[in-house]
Amino acid sequence: MQTAEINNHENVTNTYRNYVLAMLTLVYVFNFIDRQLLVILQESIKKELHLSDTQLGLLSGFTFAIFYVTLGIPIARMADKRSRRNTVAVSLGLWSIMTACSGIARNFVQLLLARIGVGIGEAGGSPPAHAMISDYFPPEKRSTAFSIYSAGIYFGILIGFLMGGYLNQHLGWRTAFFVVGVPGILFSLLFYFTVKEPRRGATDINPIASHEPHSLGEVLKVLYSSKTFVFLAMASALNVFCIYGLLNWTPSFLQRLHGMKSAQVGALLGLIYGIGGAIGSFAGGLLTDRFGKTDKQWYLKMPAYAIIIAIPCEAGAIFLHGTYFSLACLGLVALLQSMYLGPSLAVAHSLVPASMRSLTSAVFFLVINLVGLGFGPLLVGIISDLLKPTLGAESLRWALSIVIVISFVSATLFFSTAKKLVADLELRE
């Protein structure tokens, strides 16, 4: 396939640059609609297919994550050499097809295979998209651009929960997978024909080795030599553990312990996570770009403070027995936990040359999703199953409380990483 490439950054209008960002953000919206749809449907799936909480944790967490993160490395390596635009378009089409196929699963193994297919497709979505954003937006605007892109997570959750909850209650969980999967296939074609490939390193002030391909070993050596990247990945991974540990079990938590119906849960959680998360994601990038002009440490201090404030809100969401008080706390948690991603990606990309950025994002996502998405929902499910004989339905409440401890560790690591950032950026320059 030939690639339509923009060779000169100066020739890219602000309108088109923003259009590309909007299209990439919409791809990310589809990513999370398809990924989180299973979460709102899982109580119905559990009843029909007779699954345990551990099996649900495998479906929505570990098994999906292991394919998502490991295949992200070779796909990102390919994208750093070839067309990022084409990689994103093909990936979107694949995961949308596999989402639709989830609706025909008749047992745990078949549904597991379909979710593995979704994970394989989504592995090619974000790393090349991150690299395109860095080539369309200069360093001083990247945190905001990444945060707008990252808001796609929460718009995806909003749509996935709203549609999934309604379709599940009125038409069944199988129909929900079909209805959500097909539009992504059509959008992949629109993306392919209207988005152009940017020149690598187009917006870099000092585009060092921006056209030279790098091996995975070379990229890992650069990243491992950076104390900032290592600690940043660890801090982000623990925050993602808390995000998915709570997010993937909140629908079940509200249905089991607060007696809510599927459509009601989908509507309320969609609004809470969609609006709260999007505001937090955008605010995180905007604030760090603003305060980071005078002190680069704010790129990591801001997420740290946000996570610290989120801890009492997590406790309220889990332990308050009033449904609407619990939901209000969840909204604050969604807003505060989401402030980390845009600044974190901006920092990670500032540490490497342009030709390493897709692979850098893939390595970063491997760590945060393997730890966070892989083990967050799974560990909560295992603890819930272990506590169920003695606590009954309350077992899920106490299993979720693990996120409170992990959040404190994550915030501590973000503060520690902020102290290392300036020195590593000086070495890069």
Protein backbone atom coordinates (compact mmCIF):
# COMPACT_ATOMS: atom_id res chain seq x y z
CA MET A 1 0.00 0.00 0.00
CA GLN A 2 1.27 3.42 -0.84
CA THR A 3 1.22 6.04 1.86
CA ALA A 4 0.11 9.61 1.39
CA GLU A 5 2.71 11.41 3.49
CA ILE A 6 2.93 15.06 4.51
CA ASN A 7 6.56 16.01 4.04
CA ASN A 8 6.64 19.51 5.50
CA HIS A 9 5.27 20.34 8.89
CA GLU A 10 4.89 23.96 7.82
CA ASN A 11 2.39 22.92 5.14
CA VAL A 12 0.05 21.29 7.66
CA THR A 13 -2.79 23.64 8.59
CA ASN A 14 -4.08 23.84 12.13
CA THR A 15 -7.47 22.72 10.83
CA TYR A 16 -6.09 19.55 9.32
CA ARG A 17 -3.84 18.87 12.32
CA ASN A 18 -6.87 19.10 14.58
CA TYR A 19 -8.88 16.92 12.17
CA VAL A 20 -6.26 14.17 12.41
CA LEU A 21 -6.30 14.44 16.21
CA ALA A 22 -10.11 14.18 16.17
CA MET A 23 -9.97 11.10 13.93
CA LEU A 24 -7.35 9.40 16.10
CA THR A 25 -9.41 10.24 19.18
CA LEU A 26 -12.49 8.65 17.56
CA VAL A 27 -10.46 5.51 16.85
CA TYR A 28 -9.61 5.44 20.55
CA VAL A 29 -13.31 5.88 21.34
CA PHE A 30 -14.06 2.74 19.31
CA ASN A 31 -11.18 1.02 21.10
CA PHE A 32 -12.76 1.50 24.49
CA ILE A 33 -16.34 0.95 23.39
CA ASP A 34 -15.31 -2.51 22.22
CA ARG A 35 -13.01 -3.16 25.18
CA GLN A 36 -15.36 -2.10 27.97
CA LEU A 37 -18.58 -3.40 26.44
CA LEU A 38 -17.85 -6.77 28.02
CA VAL A 39 -17.75 -5.16 31.48
CA ILE A 40 -21.35 -3.89 31.38
CA LEU A 41 -22.51 -7.22 29.92
CA GLN A 42 -20.59 -9.51 32.24
CA GLU A 43 -23.35 -10.21 34.80
CA SER A 44 -25.65 -11.44 32.01
CA ILE A 45 -22.83 -13.42 30.42
CA LYS A 46 -21.95 -14.93 33.80
CA LYS A 47 -25.50 -16.20 34.29
CA GLU A 48 -25.91 -17.66 30.79
CA LEU A 49 -22.45 -19.25 30.49
CA HIS A 50 -22.15 -20.13 34.22
CA LEU A 51 -18.85 -18.32 34.83
CA SER A 52 -16.95 -17.49 38.04
CA ASP A 53 -15.59 -14.06 39.00
CA THR A 54 -12.09 -15.37 38.24
CA GLN A 55 -13.18 -16.28 34.69
CA LEU A 56 -14.73 -12.83 34.26
CA GLY A 57 -11.44 -11.31 35.42
CA LEU A 58 -9.61 -13.37 32.80
CA LEU A 59 -11.99 -12.26 30.04
CA SER A 60 -11.90 -8.55 30.82
CA GLY A 61 -8.34 -8.41 32.13
CA PHE A 62 -5.42 -10.80 31.98
CA THR A 63 -6.08 -12.84 28.82
CA PHE A 64 -7.02 -9.76 26.82
CA ALA A 65 -4.06 -7.82 28.18
CA ILE A 66 -1.40 -10.47 27.52
CA PHE A 67 -2.11 -10.49 23.77
CA TYR A 68 -2.73 -6.75 23.66
CA VAL A 69 0.62 -5.82 25.18
CA THR A 70 2.91 -8.50 23.71
CA LEU A 71 1.74 -8.06 20.13
CA GLY A 72 1.92 -4.30 20.57
CA ILE A 73 5.73 -4.55 20.43
CA PRO A 74 6.16 -6.12 16.95
CA ILE A 75 3.28 -4.08 15.53
CA ALA A 76 4.82 -0.86 16.85
CA ARG A 77 8.21 -1.92 15.47
CA MET A 78 6.59 -2.32 12.06
CA ALA A 79 4.80 1.03 12.41
CA ASP A 80 8.09 2.81 13.20
CA LYS A 81 9.36 1.59 9.80
CA ARG A 82 6.18 1.80 7.72
CA SER A 83 2.86 3.63 7.68
CA ARG A 84 1.34 4.40 11.06
CA ARG A 85 -1.91 5.46 9.34
CA ASN A 86 -2.32 2.07 7.65
CA THR A 87 -1.54 0.20 10.87
CA VAL A 88 -4.25 2.07 12.78
CA ALA A 89 -6.86 1.56 10.04
CA VAL A 90 -6.26 -2.20 9.74
CA SER A 91 -6.19 -2.65 13.51
CA LEU A 92 -9.51 -0.86 13.96
CA GLY A 93 -11.15 -3.04 11.33
CA LEU A 94 -9.83 -6.24 12.93
CA TRP A 95 -10.88 -5.54 16.52
CA SER A 96 -14.33 -4.39 15.35
CA ILE A 97 -14.86 -7.68 13.49
CA MET A 98 -13.81 -9.67 16.56
CA THR A 99 -16.15 -7.65 18.79
CA ALA A 100 -19.05 -8.64 16.56
CA CYS A 101 -17.87 -12.27 16.70
CA SER A 102 -18.09 -12.17 20.52
CA GLY A 103 -21.86 -12.24 20.11
CA ILE A 104 -21.85 -15.79 18.70
CA ALA A 105 -19.82 -17.38 21.53
CA ARG A 106 -21.53 -20.39 23.13
CA ASN A 107 -19.10 -21.08 25.97
CA PHE A 108 -16.20 -19.61 27.93
CA VAL A 109 -13.49 -20.82 25.52
CA GLN A 110 -15.22 -19.36 22.44
CA LEU A 111 -15.76 -16.01 24.14
CA LEU A 112 -12.16 -16.07 25.36
CA LEU A 113 -10.91 -16.60 21.79
CA ALA A 114 -13.05 -13.73 20.51
CA ARG A 115 -11.68 -11.41 23.21
CA ILE A 116 -8.16 -12.49 22.33
CA GLY A 117 -8.95 -11.39 18.77
CA VAL A 118 -10.08 -8.01 20.07
CA GLY A 119 -6.82 -7.74 22.02
CA ILE A 120 -4.74 -8.57 18.95
CA GLY A 121 -6.52 -5.90 16.93
CA GLU A 122 -6.27 -3.23 19.61
CA ALA A 123 -2.53 -3.91 19.96
CA GLY A 124 -2.00 -1.93 16.75
CA GLY A 125 -4.09 1.08 17.75
CA SER A 126 -2.40 3.34 20.26
CA PRO A 127 1.41 3.13 19.69
CA PRO A 128 1.31 4.29 16.04
CA ALA A 129 -1.38 6.86 16.93
CA HIS A 130 0.90 8.29 19.64
CA ALA A 131 3.75 8.60 17.15
CA MET A 132 1.49 10.41 14.65
CA ILE A 133 0.39 12.89 17.32
CA SER A 134 4.01 13.67 18.21
CA ASP A 135 4.72 14.33 14.51
CA TYR A 136 1.71 16.63 14.13
CA PHE A 137 2.10 18.59 17.40
CA PRO A 138 5.26 20.33 18.75
CA PRO A 139 6.60 19.48 22.24
CA GLU A 140 4.92 22.41 23.99
CA LYS A 141 1.48 21.26 22.78
CA ARG A 142 1.86 17.49 23.07
CA SER A 143 0.56 16.99 26.59
CA THR A 144 -2.68 18.75 25.67
CA ALA A 145 -2.91 16.80 22.39
CA PHE A 146 -2.28 13.49 24.15
CA SER A 147 -4.84 14.36 26.79
CA ILE A 148 -7.48 15.13 24.17
CA TYR A 149 -6.64 11.81 22.53
CA SER A 150 -6.76 10.04 25.90
CA ALA A 151 -10.21 11.49 26.52
CA GLY A 152 -11.30 8.97 23.90
CA ILE A 153 -11.00 6.37 26.66
CA TYR A 154 -13.78 7.98 28.61
CA PHE A 155 -16.04 8.83 25.67
CA GLY A 156 -15.66 5.17 24.69
CA ILE A 157 -16.64 4.07 28.19
CA LEU A 158 -19.58 6.50 28.10
CA ILE A 159 -20.94 5.11 24.82
CA GLY A 160 -20.08 1.51 25.64
CA PHE A 161 -21.80 1.60 29.02
CA LEU A 162 -24.86 3.51 27.76
CA MET A 163 -25.39 1.35 24.66
CA GLY A 164 -24.32 -1.87 26.32
CA GLY A 165 -26.59 -1.43 29.33
CA TYR A 166 -29.61 -0.54 27.19
CA LEU A 167 -29.07 -3.24 24.55
CA ASN A 168 -28.34 -5.86 27.19
CA GLN A 169 -31.54 -5.20 29.09
CA HIS A 170 -33.81 -4.92 26.03
CA LEU A 171 -32.21 -7.07 23.31
CA GLY A 172 -29.64 -9.26 25.09
CA TRP A 173 -25.85 -9.29 25.37
CA ARG A 174 -25.29 -11.05 22.04
CA THR A 175 -27.06 -8.31 20.07
CA ALA A 176 -25.02 -5.68 21.93
CA PHE A 177 -21.76 -7.12 20.56
CA PHE A 178 -23.11 -7.07 16.97
CA VAL A 179 -24.49 -3.52 17.16
CA VAL A 180 -21.27 -2.12 18.61
CA GLY A 181 -18.83 -4.01 16.35
CA VAL A 182 -20.12 -3.13 12.87
CA PRO A 183 -19.71 0.71 12.93
CA GLY A 184 -15.99 0.37 13.69
CA ILE A 185 -15.48 -1.58 10.46
CA LEU A 186 -17.01 1.28 8.45
CA PHE A 187 -15.05 3.94 10.33
CA SER A 188 -11.76 2.18 9.58
CA LEU A 189 -12.37 2.85 5.86
CA LEU A 190 -13.12 6.54 6.47
CA PHE A 191 -9.93 6.85 8.52
CA TYR A 192 -7.80 5.21 5.82
CA PHE A 193 -9.05 7.47 3.01
CA THR A 194 -8.99 10.83 4.86
CA VAL A 195 -5.94 10.75 7.18
CA LYS A 196 -2.42 11.30 5.84
CA GLU A 197 0.85 9.94 7.20
CA PRO A 198 3.04 12.71 8.74
CA ARG A 199 6.79 12.96 8.25
CA ARG A 200 8.67 11.45 11.18
CA GLY A 201 10.18 14.07 13.47
CA ALA A 202 8.32 16.87 11.68
CA THR A 203 7.69 18.91 14.83
CA ASP A 204 10.90 18.16 16.74
CA ILE A 205 13.19 21.07 17.55
CA ASN A 206 16.19 18.75 17.33
CA PRO A 207 15.07 15.70 15.30
CA ILE A 208 18.00 13.44 16.18
CA ALA A 209 18.10 10.27 14.11
CA SER A 210 14.44 10.77 13.25
CA HIS A 211 14.61 8.60 10.11
CA GLU A 212 16.84 5.80 11.36
CA PRO A 213 15.11 2.52 12.29
CA HIS A 214 15.96 1.08 15.69
CA SER A 215 15.86 -2.45 16.99
CA LEU A 216 13.81 -3.37 20.05
CA GLY A 217 17.06 -3.94 21.93
CA GLU A 218 18.27 -0.42 21.14
CA VAL A 219 14.97 1.12 22.26
CA LEU A 220 14.93 -0.91 25.47
CA LYS A 221 18.51 0.14 26.20
CA VAL A 222 17.60 3.82 25.82
CA LEU A 223 14.48 3.46 27.94
CA TYR A 224 16.13 1.39 30.66
CA SER A 225 18.97 3.92 30.91
CA SER A 226 16.38 6.58 31.74
CA LYS A 227 15.42 6.50 35.41
CA THR A 228 12.46 8.71 34.54
CA PHE A 229 10.97 6.19 32.10
CA VAL A 230 11.42 3.19 34.40
CA PHE A 231 9.80 4.85 37.41
CA LEU A 232 7.16 6.53 35.25
CA ALA A 233 6.10 3.17 33.82
CA MET A 234 5.90 1.66 37.31
CA ALA A 235 3.88 4.58 38.71
CA SER A 236 1.49 4.57 35.75
CA ALA A 237 1.09 0.78 35.87
CA LEU A 238 -0.04 0.88 39.49
CA ASN A 239 -2.49 3.69 38.74
CA VAL A 240 -3.89 1.67 35.83
CA PHE A 241 -4.21 -1.32 38.19
CA CYS A 242 -6.51 0.81 40.33
CA ILE A 243 -8.41 2.22 37.34
CA TYR A 244 -9.27 -1.17 35.85
CA GLY A 245 -9.58 -2.95 39.16
CA LEU A 246 -12.37 -0.53 40.03
CA LEU A 247 -13.82 0.19 36.58
CA ASN A 248 -14.18 -3.41 35.44
CA TRP A 249 -15.98 -4.47 38.62
CA THR A 250 -18.11 -1.40 39.31
CA PRO A 251 -21.08 -2.60 37.19
CA SER A 252 -21.15 -5.91 39.09
CA PHE A 253 -20.62 -4.05 42.38
CA LEU A 254 -23.63 -1.79 41.78
CA GLN A 255 -25.85 -4.64 40.62
CA ARG A 256 -24.93 -7.01 43.45
CA LEU A 257 -24.63 -4.60 46.38
CA HIS A 258 -26.88 -1.70 45.36
CA GLY A 259 -29.56 -3.67 43.50
CA MET A 260 -29.36 -1.64 40.28
CA LYS A 261 -30.53 -2.83 36.85
CA SER A 262 -28.25 -3.22 33.83
CA ALA A 263 -29.61 -0.25 31.84
CA GLN A 264 -29.51 2.01 34.91
CA VAL A 265 -25.94 1.01 35.70
CA GLY A 266 -24.88 1.57 32.10
CA ALA A 267 -26.44 5.03 31.92
CA LEU A 268 -25.09 6.26 35.26
CA LEU A 269 -21.60 4.80 34.94
CA GLY A 270 -21.38 5.91 31.33
CA LEU A 271 -22.04 9.50 32.35
CA ILE A 272 -19.87 9.33 35.46
CA TYR A 273 -16.81 7.78 33.81
CA GLY A 274 -17.36 9.35 30.41
CA ILE A 275 -17.77 12.95 31.52
CA GLY A 276 -15.62 12.80 34.66
CA GLY A 277 -12.81 10.92 32.95
CA ALA A 278 -12.83 13.15 29.87
CA ILE A 279 -12.68 16.32 32.00
CA GLY A 280 -9.84 14.88 34.05
CA SER A 281 -7.90 13.73 31.03
CA PHE A 282 -8.18 17.11 29.30
CA ALA A 283 -7.45 19.05 32.50
CA GLY A 284 -4.36 16.94 33.20
CA GLY A 285 -2.80 17.83 29.86
CA LEU A 286 -3.85 21.48 29.91
CA LEU A 287 -2.58 22.10 33.43
CA THR A 288 0.73 20.32 32.93
CA ASP A 289 1.44 22.15 29.66
CA ARG A 290 0.71 25.41 31.49
CA PHE A 291 2.67 24.83 34.71
CA GLY A 292 5.33 22.78 32.92
CA LYS A 293 6.55 25.86 31.04
CA THR A 294 8.37 27.02 34.17
CA ASP A 295 8.96 23.70 35.92
CA LYS A 296 8.99 20.40 33.99
CA GLN A 297 8.44 18.47 37.21
CA TRP A 298 4.78 19.48 37.09
CA TYR A 299 4.28 16.96 34.28
CA LEU A 300 4.52 14.27 36.95
CA LYS A 301 3.60 16.19 40.10
CA MET A 302 0.13 16.89 38.75
CA PRO A 303 -0.79 13.18 38.38
CA ALA A 304 0.71 12.51 41.84
CA TYR A 305 -1.45 15.12 43.57
CA ALA A 306 -4.52 13.95 41.65
CA ILE A 307 -4.04 10.33 42.79
CA ILE A 308 -3.53 11.40 46.42
CA ILE A 309 -6.82 13.32 46.36
CA ALA A 310 -8.51 10.31 44.71
CA ILE A 311 -7.71 7.93 47.61
CA PRO A 312 -10.45 9.09 50.04
CA CYS A 313 -12.87 9.20 47.10
CA GLU A 314 -12.08 5.54 46.34
CA ALA A 315 -12.83 4.64 49.95
CA GLY A 316 -16.16 6.49 49.73
CA ALA A 317 -17.11 4.79 46.46
CA ILE A 318 -16.46 1.33 47.91
CA PHE A 319 -17.70 1.62 51.50
CA LEU A 320 -20.52 4.19 51.46
CA HIS A 321 -23.85 2.35 51.48
CA GLY A 322 -25.85 5.21 49.98
CA THR A 323 -25.98 4.53 46.22
CA TYR A 324 -25.79 8.13 45.09
CA PHE A 325 -23.02 9.03 47.54
CA SER A 326 -21.07 6.06 46.18
CA LEU A 327 -21.69 7.21 42.60
CA ALA A 328 -20.60 10.77 43.39
CA CYS A 329 -17.32 9.45 44.79
CA LEU A 330 -16.87 7.33 41.66
CA GLY A 331 -17.22 10.45 39.53
CA LEU A 332 -14.43 12.19 41.43
CA VAL A 333 -12.26 9.07 41.20
CA ALA A 334 -12.76 8.90 37.43
CA LEU A 335 -11.79 12.56 37.05
CA LEU A 336 -8.69 12.38 39.23
CA GLN A 337 -7.33 9.00 38.09
CA SER A 338 -7.52 10.06 34.43
CA MET A 339 -5.15 13.02 34.76
CA TYR A 340 -1.99 10.92 34.43
CA LEU A 341 -1.96 9.63 30.83
CA GLY A 342 -1.47 12.74 28.67
CA PRO A 343 1.43 14.09 30.77
CA SER A 344 2.98 10.62 31.05
CA LEU A 345 2.97 10.06 27.28
CA ALA A 346 4.36 13.54 26.66
CA VAL A 347 7.23 12.82 29.06
CA ALA A 348 7.93 9.39 27.56
CA HIS A 349 8.09 10.78 24.01
CA SER A 350 10.33 13.66 25.10
CA LEU A 351 12.96 11.12 26.21
CA VAL A 352 13.46 9.45 22.80
CA PRO A 353 13.96 10.42 19.12
CA ALA A 354 10.99 10.36 16.73
CA SER A 355 11.85 7.01 15.18
CA MET A 356 11.53 5.29 18.57
CA ARG A 357 8.15 6.70 19.58
CA SER A 358 5.76 3.98 18.39
CA LEU A 359 7.94 1.37 20.07
CA THR A 360 8.31 3.52 23.18
CA SER A 361 4.53 3.76 23.47
CA ALA A 362 4.26 0.01 22.95
CA VAL A 363 6.77 -0.70 25.73
CA PHE A 364 5.03 1.81 28.01
CA PHE A 365 1.63 0.26 27.28
CA LEU A 366 3.05 -3.24 27.74
CA VAL A 367 4.07 -2.40 31.29
CA ILE A 368 1.01 -0.42 32.35
CA ASN A 369 -1.54 -2.76 30.75
CA LEU A 370 0.13 -6.01 31.78
CA VAL A 371 0.22 -4.86 35.40
CA GLY A 372 -2.93 -2.74 35.39
CA LEU A 373 -5.38 -4.25 32.90
CA GLY A 374 -3.92 -7.75 33.24
CA PHE A 375 -3.81 -8.11 37.00
CA GLY A 376 -6.22 -5.43 38.29
CA PRO A 377 -9.54 -7.08 37.32
CA LEU A 378 -8.10 -10.59 37.74
CA LEU A 379 -6.80 -10.05 41.28
CA VAL A 380 -10.04 -8.41 42.38
CA GLY A 381 -11.96 -11.38 40.95
CA ILE A 382 -9.71 -13.92 42.70
CA ILE A 383 -9.98 -12.13 46.06
CA SER A 384 -13.76 -11.89 45.64
CA ASP A 385 -14.03 -15.64 44.98
CA LEU A 386 -11.80 -16.42 48.01
CA LEU A 387 -13.85 -14.21 50.34
CA LYS A 388 -17.27 -15.26 49.03
CA PRO A 389 -17.75 -18.32 51.31
CA THR A 390 -17.49 -16.11 54.41
CA LEU A 391 -18.70 -12.70 53.18
CA GLY A 392 -21.20 -13.55 50.44
CA ALA A 393 -21.97 -10.57 48.17
CA GLU A 394 -19.85 -8.33 50.42
CA SER A 395 -16.75 -10.17 49.18
CA LEU A 396 -16.58 -7.91 46.11
CA ARG A 397 -16.63 -4.76 48.26
CA TRP A 398 -13.62 -5.90 50.28
CA ALA A 399 -11.81 -7.21 47.20
CA LEU A 400 -12.08 -3.74 45.65
CA SER A 401 -10.47 -2.10 48.69
CA ILE A 402 -7.05 -3.20 47.40
CA VAL A 403 -7.06 -0.17 45.07
CA ILE A 404 -6.78 2.19 48.05
CA VAL A 405 -3.37 0.80 49.06
CA ILE A 406 -2.06 0.57 45.49
CA SER A 407 -3.06 4.19 44.77
CA PHE A 408 -0.87 5.44 47.60
CA VAL A 409 2.15 3.55 46.21
CA SER A 410 1.46 4.94 42.71
CA ALA A 411 1.34 8.54 43.92
CA THR A 412 4.58 8.09 45.83
CA LEU A 413 6.32 6.83 42.69
CA PHE A 414 5.02 9.76 40.61
CA PHE A 415 6.48 12.23 43.14
CA SER A 416 9.79 10.34 43.11
CA THR A 417 9.91 10.29 39.29
CA ALA A 418 9.28 14.03 39.06
CA LYS A 419 12.61 14.65 40.81
CA LYS A 420 14.46 12.68 38.11
CA LEU A 421 12.75 14.25 35.10
CA VAL A 422 14.76 17.45 34.61
CA ALA A 423 18.12 15.66 34.64
CA ASP A 424 16.96 13.10 32.05
CA LEU A 425 15.55 15.81 29.77
CA GLU A 426 18.88 17.65 29.90
CA LEU A 427 20.67 14.46 28.84
CA ARG A 428 18.23 14.08 25.90
CA GLU A 429 19.02 17.60 24.72
